[in-house]
Amino acid sequence: MNPFEMVVAIIVIVTIGSVLKARFGIHKDKHGNEVFRGSDTASDAARLRDEVRALKERVQVLERVITDSEASSLRLDREIEALRDKKNP
């Protein structure tokens, strides 16, 4: 491989690397560090907090259903059947 081909190969490799960085959202900050800019971390944190809150509520409902007394489980069965009757006219 002659020196000209070597220079062309290096330029091609660097160009491909730059294109891939741009594609995956990697850029340099003011200090020269590479930073991933894929999504906003604040919005991700808020979305995850909302998801955790919803899952906690679901777990509380499941715990309440499991630990309810026999009388309330009968009431729950009647409510489920009533909902099924409303769904199937």
PDB file of N, CA and C in Angstrom:
ATOM      1  N   MET A   1       0.858  -1.165   0.000  1.00  0.00           N
ATOM      2  CA  MET A   1       0.000   0.000   0.000  1.00  0.00           C
ATOM      3  C   MET A   1       0.909   1.234   0.000  1.00  0.00           C
ATOM      4  N   ASN A   2       0.673   2.114  -0.960  1.00  0.00           N
ATOM      5  CA  ASN A   2       1.508   3.310  -1.013  1.00  0.00           C
ATOM      6  C   ASN A   2       0.973   4.389  -0.065  1.00  0.00           C
ATOM      7  N   PRO A   3       1.735   5.432   0.199  1.00  0.00           N
ATOM      8  CA  PRO A   3       1.320   6.469   1.162  1.00  0.00           C
ATOM      9  C   PRO A   3       0.000   7.150   0.780  1.00  0.00           C
ATOM     10  N   PHE A   4      -0.247   7.363  -0.508  1.00  0.00           N
ATOM     11  CA  PHE A   4      -1.496   7.994  -0.924  1.00  0.00           C
ATOM     12  C   PHE A   4      -2.702   7.134  -0.532  1.00  0.00           C
ATOM     13  N   GLU A   5      -2.630   5.833  -0.772  1.00  0.00           N
ATOM     14  CA  GLU A   5      -3.722   4.928  -0.395  1.00  0.00           C
ATOM     15  C   GLU A   5      -3.913   4.910   1.114  1.00  0.00           C
ATOM     16  N   MET A   6      -2.828   4.993   1.875  1.00  0.00           N
ATOM     17  CA  MET A   6      -2.902   5.010   3.329  1.00  0.00           C
ATOM     18  C   MET A   6      -3.656   6.256   3.808  1.00  0.00           C
ATOM     19  N   VAL A   7      -3.350   7.415   3.213  1.00  0.00           N
ATOM     20  CA  VAL A   7      -4.033   8.654   3.593  1.00  0.00           C
ATOM     21  C   VAL A   7      -5.517   8.561   3.259  1.00  0.00           C
ATOM     22  N   VAL A   8      -5.849   8.046   2.094  1.00  0.00           N
ATOM     23  CA  VAL A   8      -7.256   7.895   1.694  1.00  0.00           C
ATOM     24  C   VAL A   8      -7.968   6.935   2.651  1.00  0.00           C
ATOM     25  N   ALA A   9      -7.338   5.850   3.030  1.00  0.00           N
ATOM     26  CA  ALA A   9      -7.950   4.887   3.959  1.00  0.00           C
ATOM     27  C   ALA A   9      -8.200   5.537   5.316  1.00  0.00           C
ATOM     28  N   ILE A  10      -7.271   6.327   5.813  1.00  0.00           N
ATOM     29  CA  ILE A  10      -7.451   7.012   7.107  1.00  0.00           C
ATOM     30  C   ILE A  10      -8.602   8.006   7.016  1.00  0.00           C
ATOM     31  N   ILE A  11      -8.680   8.747   5.918  1.00  0.00           N
ATOM     32  CA  ILE A  11      -9.766   9.717   5.750  1.00  0.00           C
ATOM     33  C   ILE A  11     -11.116   9.004   5.709  1.00  0.00           C
ATOM     34  N   VAL A  12     -11.197   7.880   5.025  1.00  0.00           N
ATOM     35  CA  VAL A  12     -12.453   7.114   4.945  1.00  0.00           C
ATOM     36  C   VAL A  12     -12.851   6.606   6.332  1.00  0.00           C
ATOM     37  N   ILE A  13     -11.907   6.090   7.090  1.00  0.00           N
ATOM     38  CA  ILE A  13     -12.202   5.566   8.435  1.00  0.00           C
ATOM     39  C   ILE A  13     -12.683   6.682   9.352  1.00  0.00           C
ATOM     40  N   VAL A  14     -12.021   7.829   9.321  1.00  0.00           N
ATOM     41  CA  VAL A  14     -12.419   8.959  10.167  1.00  0.00           C
ATOM     42  C   VAL A  14     -13.798   9.465   9.765  1.00  0.00           C
ATOM     43  N   THR A  15     -14.076   9.516   8.475  1.00  0.00           N
ATOM     44  CA  THR A  15     -15.386   9.970   7.998  1.00  0.00           C
ATOM     45  C   THR A  15     -16.490   9.018   8.448  1.00  0.00           C
ATOM     46  N   ILE A  16     -16.258   7.741   8.336  1.00  0.00           N
ATOM     47  CA  ILE A  16     -17.257   6.755   8.775  1.00  0.00           C
ATOM     48  C   ILE A  16     -17.490   6.891  10.283  1.00  0.00           C
ATOM     49  N   GLY A  17     -16.430   7.075  11.042  1.00  0.00           N
ATOM     50  CA  GLY A  17     -16.577   7.269  12.485  1.00  0.00           C
ATOM     51  C   GLY A  17     -17.378   8.514  12.812  1.00  0.00           C
ATOM     52  N   SER A  18     -17.132   9.615  12.097  1.00  0.00           N
ATOM     53  CA  SER A  18     -17.878  10.859  12.329  1.00  0.00           C
ATOM     54  C   SER A  18     -19.354  10.698  11.990  1.00  0.00           C
ATOM     55  N   VAL A  19     -19.641   9.991  10.905  1.00  0.00           N
ATOM     56  CA  VAL A  19     -21.034   9.756  10.523  1.00  0.00           C
ATOM     57  C   VAL A  19     -21.741   8.920  11.581  1.00  0.00           C
ATOM     58  N   LEU A  20     -21.078   7.894  12.086  1.00  0.00           N
ATOM     59  CA  LEU A  20     -21.692   7.060  13.122  1.00  0.00           C
ATOM     60  C   LEU A  20     -21.918   7.837  14.410  1.00  0.00           C
ATOM     61  N   LYS A  21     -20.969   8.697  14.785  1.00  0.00           N
ATOM     62  CA  LYS A  21     -21.155   9.528  15.979  1.00  0.00           C
ATOM     63  C   LYS A  21     -22.369  10.428  15.825  1.00  0.00           C
ATOM     64  N   ALA A  22     -22.500  11.049  14.672  1.00  0.00           N
ATOM     65  CA  ALA A  22     -23.641  11.929  14.426  1.00  0.00           C
ATOM     66  C   ALA A  22     -24.941  11.128  14.435  1.00  0.00           C
ATOM     67  N   ARG A  23     -24.900   9.934  13.888  1.00  0.00           N
ATOM     68  CA  ARG A  23     -26.102   9.095  13.829  1.00  0.00           C
ATOM     69  C   ARG A  23     -26.592   8.708  15.221  1.00  0.00           C
ATOM     70  N   PHE A  24     -25.672   8.434  16.128  1.00  0.00           N
ATOM     71  CA  PHE A  24     -26.039   8.004  17.475  1.00  0.00           C
ATOM     72  C   PHE A  24     -26.096   9.163  18.462  1.00  0.00           C
ATOM     73  N   GLY A  25     -25.949  10.399  18.003  1.00  0.00           N
ATOM     74  CA  GLY A  25     -26.143  11.566  18.852  1.00  0.00           C
ATOM     75  C   GLY A  25     -25.000  11.849  19.797  1.00  0.00           C
ATOM     76  N   ILE A  26     -23.785  11.539  19.430  1.00  0.00           N
ATOM     77  CA  ILE A  26     -22.638  11.808  20.289  1.00  0.00           C
ATOM     78  C   ILE A  26     -21.988  13.102  19.812  1.00  0.00           C
ATOM     79  N   HIS A  27     -21.793  14.056  20.731  1.00  0.00           N
ATOM     80  CA  HIS A  27     -21.140  15.308  20.392  1.00  0.00           C
ATOM     81  C   HIS A  27     -20.171  15.685  21.504  1.00  0.00           C
ATOM     82  N   LYS A  28     -19.382  16.712  21.257  1.00  0.00           N
ATOM     83  CA  LYS A  28     -18.415  17.162  22.262  1.00  0.00           C
ATOM     84  C   LYS A  28     -18.964  18.373  22.990  1.00  0.00           C
ATOM     85  N   ASP A  29     -18.809  18.390  24.329  1.00  0.00           N
ATOM     86  CA  ASP A  29     -19.228  19.549  25.104  1.00  0.00           C
ATOM     87  C   ASP A  29     -18.126  20.603  25.086  1.00  0.00           C
ATOM     88  N   LYS A  30     -18.296  21.662  25.873  1.00  0.00           N
ATOM     89  CA  LYS A  30     -17.340  22.768  25.829  1.00  0.00           C
ATOM     90  C   LYS A  30     -15.972  22.393  26.390  1.00  0.00           C
ATOM     91  N   HIS A  31     -15.884  21.278  27.120  1.00  0.00           N
ATOM     92  CA  HIS A  31     -14.611  20.816  27.671  1.00  0.00           C
ATOM     93  C   HIS A  31     -13.929  19.779  26.779  1.00  0.00           C
ATOM     94  N   GLY A  32     -14.566  19.436  25.665  1.00  0.00           N
ATOM     95  CA  GLY A  32     -13.992  18.466  24.745  1.00  0.00           C
ATOM     96  C   GLY A  32     -14.360  17.028  25.043  1.00  0.00           C
ATOM     97  N   ASN A  33     -15.223  16.803  26.027  1.00  0.00           N
ATOM     98  CA  ASN A  33     -15.662  15.449  26.373  1.00  0.00           C
ATOM     99  C   ASN A  33     -16.805  15.035  25.451  1.00  0.00           C
ATOM    100  N   GLU A  34     -16.791  13.774  25.052  1.00  0.00           N
ATOM    101  CA  GLU A  34     -17.878  13.272  24.221  1.00  0.00           C
ATOM    102  C   GLU A  34     -19.086  12.972  25.091  1.00  0.00           C
ATOM    103  N   VAL A  35     -20.239  13.475  24.665  1.00  0.00           N
ATOM    104  CA  VAL A  35     -21.471  13.353  25.442  1.00  0.00           C
ATOM    105  C   VAL A  35     -22.543  12.763  24.539  1.00  0.00           C
ATOM    106  N   PHE A  36     -23.318  11.822  25.072  1.00  0.00           N
ATOM    107  CA  PHE A  36     -24.434  11.234  24.340  1.00  0.00           C
ATOM    108  C   PHE A  36     -25.623  12.172  24.434  1.00  0.00           C
ATOM    109  N   ARG A  37     -26.195  12.526  23.302  1.00  0.00           N
ATOM    110  CA  ARG A  37     -27.301  13.461  23.268  1.00  0.00           C
ATOM    111  C   ARG A  37     -28.552  12.778  22.728  1.00  0.00           C
ATOM    112  N   GLY A  38     -28.770  11.534  23.106  1.00  0.00           N
ATOM    113  CA  GLY A  38     -29.888  10.775  22.566  1.00  0.00           C
ATOM    114  C   GLY A  38     -31.238  11.251  23.042  1.00  0.00           C
ATOM    115  N   SER A  39     -31.372  11.535  24.322  1.00  0.00           N
ATOM    116  CA  SER A  39     -32.652  11.975  24.846  1.00  0.00           C
ATOM    117  C   SER A  39     -32.421  12.859  26.053  1.00  0.00           C
ATOM    118  N   ASP A  40     -33.425  13.607  26.408  1.00  0.00           N
ATOM    119  CA  ASP A  40     -33.326  14.529  27.526  1.00  0.00           C
ATOM    120  C   ASP A  40     -33.435  13.755  28.833  1.00  0.00           C
ATOM    121  N   THR A  41     -32.433  13.855  29.674  1.00  0.00           N
ATOM    122  CA  THR A  41     -32.429  13.068  30.908  1.00  0.00           C
ATOM    123  C   THR A  41     -33.494  13.545  31.880  1.00  0.00           C
ATOM    124  N   ALA A  42     -33.823  14.832  31.879  1.00  0.00           N
ATOM    125  CA  ALA A  42     -34.856  15.330  32.789  1.00  0.00           C
ATOM    126  C   ALA A  42     -36.219  14.749  32.422  1.00  0.00           C
ATOM    127  N   SER A  43     -36.538  14.708  31.147  1.00  0.00           N
ATOM    128  CA  SER A  43     -37.826  14.150  30.736  1.00  0.00           C
ATOM    129  C   SER A  43     -37.856  12.641  30.963  1.00  0.00           C
ATOM    130  N   ASP A  44     -36.714  11.976  30.762  1.00  0.00           N
ATOM    131  CA  ASP A  44     -36.648  10.542  31.049  1.00  0.00           C
ATOM    132  C   ASP A  44     -36.871  10.275  32.530  1.00  0.00           C
ATOM    133  N   ALA A  45     -36.264  11.087  33.379  1.00  0.00           N
ATOM    134  CA  ALA A  45     -36.426  10.907  34.825  1.00  0.00           C
ATOM    135  C   ALA A  45     -37.878  11.128  35.231  1.00  0.00           C
ATOM    136  N   ALA A  46     -38.518  12.139  34.677  1.00  0.00           N
ATOM    137  CA  ALA A  46     -39.927  12.401  34.997  1.00  0.00           C
ATOM    138  C   ALA A  46     -40.810  11.253  34.520  1.00  0.00           C
ATOM    139  N   ARG A  47     -40.527  10.751  33.319  1.00  0.00           N
ATOM    140  CA  ARG A  47     -41.318   9.633  32.798  1.00  0.00           C
ATOM    141  C   ARG A  47     -41.147   8.397  33.662  1.00  0.00           C
ATOM    142  N   LEU A  48     -39.908   8.133  34.086  1.00  0.00           N
ATOM    143  CA  LEU A  48     -39.658   6.962  34.932  1.00  0.00           C
ATOM    144  C   LEU A  48     -40.309   7.122  36.300  1.00  0.00           C
ATOM    145  N   ARG A  49     -40.291   8.351  36.850  1.00  0.00           N
ATOM    146  CA  ARG A  49     -40.965   8.580  38.139  1.00  0.00           C
ATOM    147  C   ARG A  49     -42.455   8.304  38.026  1.00  0.00           C
ATOM    148  N   ASP A  50     -43.074   8.773  36.931  1.00  0.00           N
ATOM    149  CA  ASP A  50     -44.499   8.522  36.726  1.00  0.00           C
ATOM    150  C   ASP A  50     -44.790   7.035  36.580  1.00  0.00           C
ATOM    151  N   GLU A  51     -43.910   6.339  35.875  1.00  0.00           N
ATOM    152  CA  GLU A  51     -44.100   4.902  35.693  1.00  0.00           C
ATOM    153  C   GLU A  51     -43.968   4.157  37.025  1.00  0.00           C
ATOM    154  N   VAL A  52     -42.996   4.538  37.843  1.00  0.00           N
ATOM    155  CA  VAL A  52     -42.824   3.902  39.151  1.00  0.00           C
ATOM    156  C   VAL A  52     -44.036   4.184  40.034  1.00  0.00           C
ATOM    157  N   ARG A  53     -44.540   5.413  39.985  1.00  0.00           N
ATOM    158  CA  ARG A  53     -45.719   5.762  40.792  1.00  0.00           C
ATOM    159  C   ARG A  53     -46.917   4.907  40.375  1.00  0.00           C
ATOM    160  N   ALA A  54     -47.110   4.747  39.065  1.00  0.00           N
ATOM    161  CA  ALA A  54     -48.228   3.935  38.576  1.00  0.00           C
ATOM    162  C   ALA A  54     -48.064   2.474  38.984  1.00  0.00           C
ATOM    163  N   LEU A  55     -46.844   1.965  38.923  1.00  0.00           N
ATOM    164  CA  LEU A  55     -46.611   0.577  39.322  1.00  0.00           C
ATOM    165  C   LEU A  55     -46.831   0.388  40.817  1.00  0.00           C
ATOM    166  N   LYS A  56     -46.440   1.374  41.631  1.00  0.00           N
ATOM    167  CA  LYS A  56     -46.690   1.277  43.076  1.00  0.00           C
ATOM    168  C   LYS A  56     -48.185   1.241  43.366  1.00  0.00           C
ATOM    169  N   GLU A  57     -48.950   2.056  42.641  1.00  0.00           N
ATOM    170  CA  GLU A  57     -50.401   2.042  42.833  1.00  0.00           C
ATOM    171  C   GLU A  57     -50.982   0.681  42.469  1.00  0.00           C
ATOM    172  N   ARG A  58     -50.483   0.094  41.386  1.00  0.00           N
ATOM    173  CA  ARG A  58     -50.975  -1.225  40.984  1.00  0.00           C
ATOM    174  C   ARG A  58     -50.633  -2.285  42.020  1.00  0.00           C
ATOM    175  N   VAL A  59     -49.433  -2.205  42.584  1.00  0.00           N
ATOM    176  CA  VAL A  59     -49.035  -3.165  43.614  1.00  0.00           C
ATOM    177  C   VAL A  59     -49.912  -3.002  44.850  1.00  0.00           C
ATOM    178  N   GLN A  60     -50.230  -1.752  45.216  1.00  0.00           N
ATOM    179  CA  GLN A  60     -51.107  -1.538  46.370  1.00  0.00           C
ATOM    180  C   GLN A  60     -52.476  -2.151  46.131  1.00  0.00           C
ATOM    181  N   VAL A  61     -52.995  -2.002  44.928  1.00  0.00           N
ATOM    182  CA  VAL A  61     -54.301  -2.596  44.612  1.00  0.00           C
ATOM    183  C   VAL A  61     -54.213  -4.115  44.699  1.00  0.00           C
ATOM    184  N   LEU A  62     -53.154  -4.691  44.159  1.00  0.00           N
ATOM    185  CA  LEU A  62     -53.002  -6.148  44.218  1.00  0.00           C
ATOM    186  C   LEU A  62     -52.862  -6.627  45.656  1.00  0.00           C
ATOM    187  N   GLU A  63     -52.117  -5.898  46.475  1.00  0.00           N
ATOM    188  CA  GLU A  63     -51.987  -6.285  47.881  1.00  0.00           C
ATOM    189  C   GLU A  63     -53.333  -6.219  48.584  1.00  0.00           C
ATOM    190  N   ARG A  64     -54.104  -5.174  48.282  1.00  0.00           N
ATOM    191  CA  ARG A  64     -55.418  -5.039  48.910  1.00  0.00           C
ATOM    192  C   ARG A  64     -56.339  -6.182  48.480  1.00  0.00           C
ATOM    193  N   VAL A  65     -56.291  -6.552  47.209  1.00  0.00           N
ATOM    194  CA  VAL A  65     -57.139  -7.645  46.718  1.00  0.00           C
ATOM    195  C   VAL A  65     -56.742  -8.956  47.376  1.00  0.00           C
ATOM    196  N   ILE A  66     -55.455  -9.183  47.527  1.00  0.00           N
ATOM    197  CA  ILE A  66     -54.986 -10.446  48.100  1.00  0.00           C
ATOM    198  C   ILE A  66     -55.283 -10.533  49.591  1.00  0.00           C
ATOM    199  N   THR A  67     -55.147  -9.438  50.309  1.00  0.00           N
ATOM    200  CA  THR A  67     -55.280  -9.484  51.759  1.00  0.00           C
ATOM    201  C   THR A  67     -56.686  -9.178  52.256  1.00  0.00           C
ATOM    202  N   ASP A  68     -57.622  -8.902  51.349  1.00  0.00           N
ATOM    203  CA  ASP A  68     -58.992  -8.618  51.783  1.00  0.00           C
ATOM    204  C   ASP A  68     -59.624  -9.851  52.409  1.00  0.00           C
ATOM    205  N   SER A  69     -60.621  -9.603  53.240  1.00  0.00           N
ATOM    206  CA  SER A  69     -61.326 -10.705  53.899  1.00  0.00           C
ATOM    207  C   SER A  69     -62.246 -11.413  52.909  1.00  0.00           C
ATOM    208  N   GLU A  70     -62.831 -12.495  53.358  1.00  0.00           N
ATOM    209  CA  GLU A  70     -63.698 -13.295  52.488  1.00  0.00           C
ATOM    210  C   GLU A  70     -64.922 -12.512  52.053  1.00  0.00           C
ATOM    211  N   ALA A  71     -65.485 -11.699  52.920  1.00  0.00           N
ATOM    212  CA  ALA A  71     -66.681 -10.921  52.566  1.00  0.00           C
ATOM    213  C   ALA A  71     -66.368  -9.935  51.453  1.00  0.00           C
ATOM    214  N   SER A  72     -65.215  -9.290  51.540  1.00  0.00           N
ATOM    215  CA  SER A  72     -64.888  -8.314  50.502  1.00  0.00           C
ATOM    216  C   SER A  72     -64.502  -9.014  49.199  1.00  0.00           C
ATOM    217  N   SER A  73     -63.962 -10.247  49.295  1.00  0.00           N
ATOM    218  CA  SER A  73     -63.660 -10.962  48.055  1.00  0.00           C
ATOM    219  C   SER A  73     -64.952 -11.377  47.353  1.00  0.00           C
ATOM    220  N   LEU A  74     -65.980 -11.677  48.116  1.00  0.00           N
ATOM    221  CA  LEU A  74     -67.277 -11.968  47.498  1.00  0.00           C
ATOM    222  C   LEU A  74     -67.831 -10.722  46.825  1.00  0.00           C
ATOM    223  N   ARG A  75     -67.664  -9.585  47.482  1.00  0.00           N
ATOM    224  CA  ARG A  75     -68.109  -8.328  46.895  1.00  0.00           C
ATOM    225  C   ARG A  75     -67.331  -8.055  45.602  1.00  0.00           C
ATOM    226  N   LEU A  76     -66.034  -8.340  45.619  1.00  0.00           N
ATOM    227  CA  LEU A  76     -65.205  -8.144  44.439  1.00  0.00           C
ATOM    228  C   LEU A  76     -65.671  -9.055  43.305  1.00  0.00           C
ATOM    229  N   ASP A  77     -65.983 -10.305  43.627  1.00  0.00           N
ATOM    230  CA  ASP A  77     -66.490 -11.231  42.606  1.00  0.00           C
ATOM    231  C   ASP A  77     -67.784 -10.711  41.983  1.00  0.00           C
ATOM    232  N   ARG A  78     -68.676 -10.182  42.814  1.00  0.00           N
ATOM    233  CA  ARG A  78     -69.931  -9.632  42.287  1.00  0.00           C
ATOM    234  C   ARG A  78     -69.666  -8.432  41.380  1.00  0.00           C
ATOM    235  N   GLU A  79     -68.724  -7.571  41.778  1.00  0.00           N
ATOM    236  CA  GLU A  79     -68.405  -6.409  40.951  1.00  0.00           C
ATOM    237  C   GLU A  79     -67.805  -6.836  39.610  1.00  0.00           C
ATOM    238  N   ILE A  80     -66.946  -7.838  39.626  1.00  0.00           N
ATOM    239  CA  ILE A  80     -66.349  -8.335  38.383  1.00  0.00           C
ATOM    240  C   ILE A  80     -67.433  -8.915  37.480  1.00  0.00           C
ATOM    241  N   GLU A  81     -68.319  -9.690  38.038  1.00  0.00           N
ATOM    242  CA  GLU A  81     -69.410 -10.259  37.248  1.00  0.00           C
ATOM    243  C   GLU A  81     -70.315  -9.168  36.685  1.00  0.00           C
ATOM    244  N   ALA A  82     -70.563  -8.120  37.483  1.00  0.00           N
ATOM    245  CA  ALA A  82     -71.390  -7.009  37.005  1.00  0.00           C
ATOM    246  C   ALA A  82     -70.709  -6.319  35.826  1.00  0.00           C
ATOM    247  N   LEU A  83     -69.398  -6.167  35.908  1.00  0.00           N
ATOM    248  CA  LEU A  83     -68.669  -5.560  34.800  1.00  0.00           C
ATOM    249  C   LEU A  83     -68.698  -6.441  33.560  1.00  0.00           C
ATOM    250  N   ARG A  84     -68.617  -7.740  33.769  1.00  0.00           N
ATOM    251  CA  ARG A  84     -68.680  -8.671  32.630  1.00  0.00           C
ATOM    252  C   ARG A  84     -70.062  -8.603  31.978  1.00  0.00           C
ATOM    253  N   ASP A  85     -71.115  -8.504  32.819  1.00  0.00           N
ATOM    254  CA  ASP A  85     -72.478  -8.417  32.281  1.00  0.00           C
ATOM    255  C   ASP A  85     -72.665  -7.133  31.489  1.00  0.00           C
ATOM    256  N   LYS A  86     -72.071  -6.040  31.932  1.00  0.00           N
ATOM    257  CA  LYS A  86     -72.174  -4.780  31.197  1.00  0.00           C
ATOM    258  C   LYS A  86     -71.435  -4.870  29.857  1.00  0.00           C
ATOM    259  N   LYS A  87     -70.321  -5.583  29.853  1.00  0.00           N
ATOM    260  CA  LYS A  87     -69.509  -5.690  28.639  1.00  0.00           C
ATOM    261  C   LYS A  87     -70.205  -6.535  27.594  1.00  0.00           C
ATOM    262  N   ASN A  88     -70.857  -7.618  28.006  1.00  0.00           N
ATOM    263  CA  ASN A  88     -71.547  -8.534  27.079  1.00  0.00           C
ATOM    264  C   ASN A  88     -73.048  -8.302  27.170  1.00  0.00           C
ATOM    265  N   PRO A  89     -73.614  -7.502  26.253  1.00  0.00           N
ATOM    266  CA  PRO A  89     -75.068  -7.224  26.335  1.00  0.00           C
ATOM    267  C   PRO A  89     -75.914  -8.385  25.918  1.00  0.00           C
TER     268      PRO A  89
END
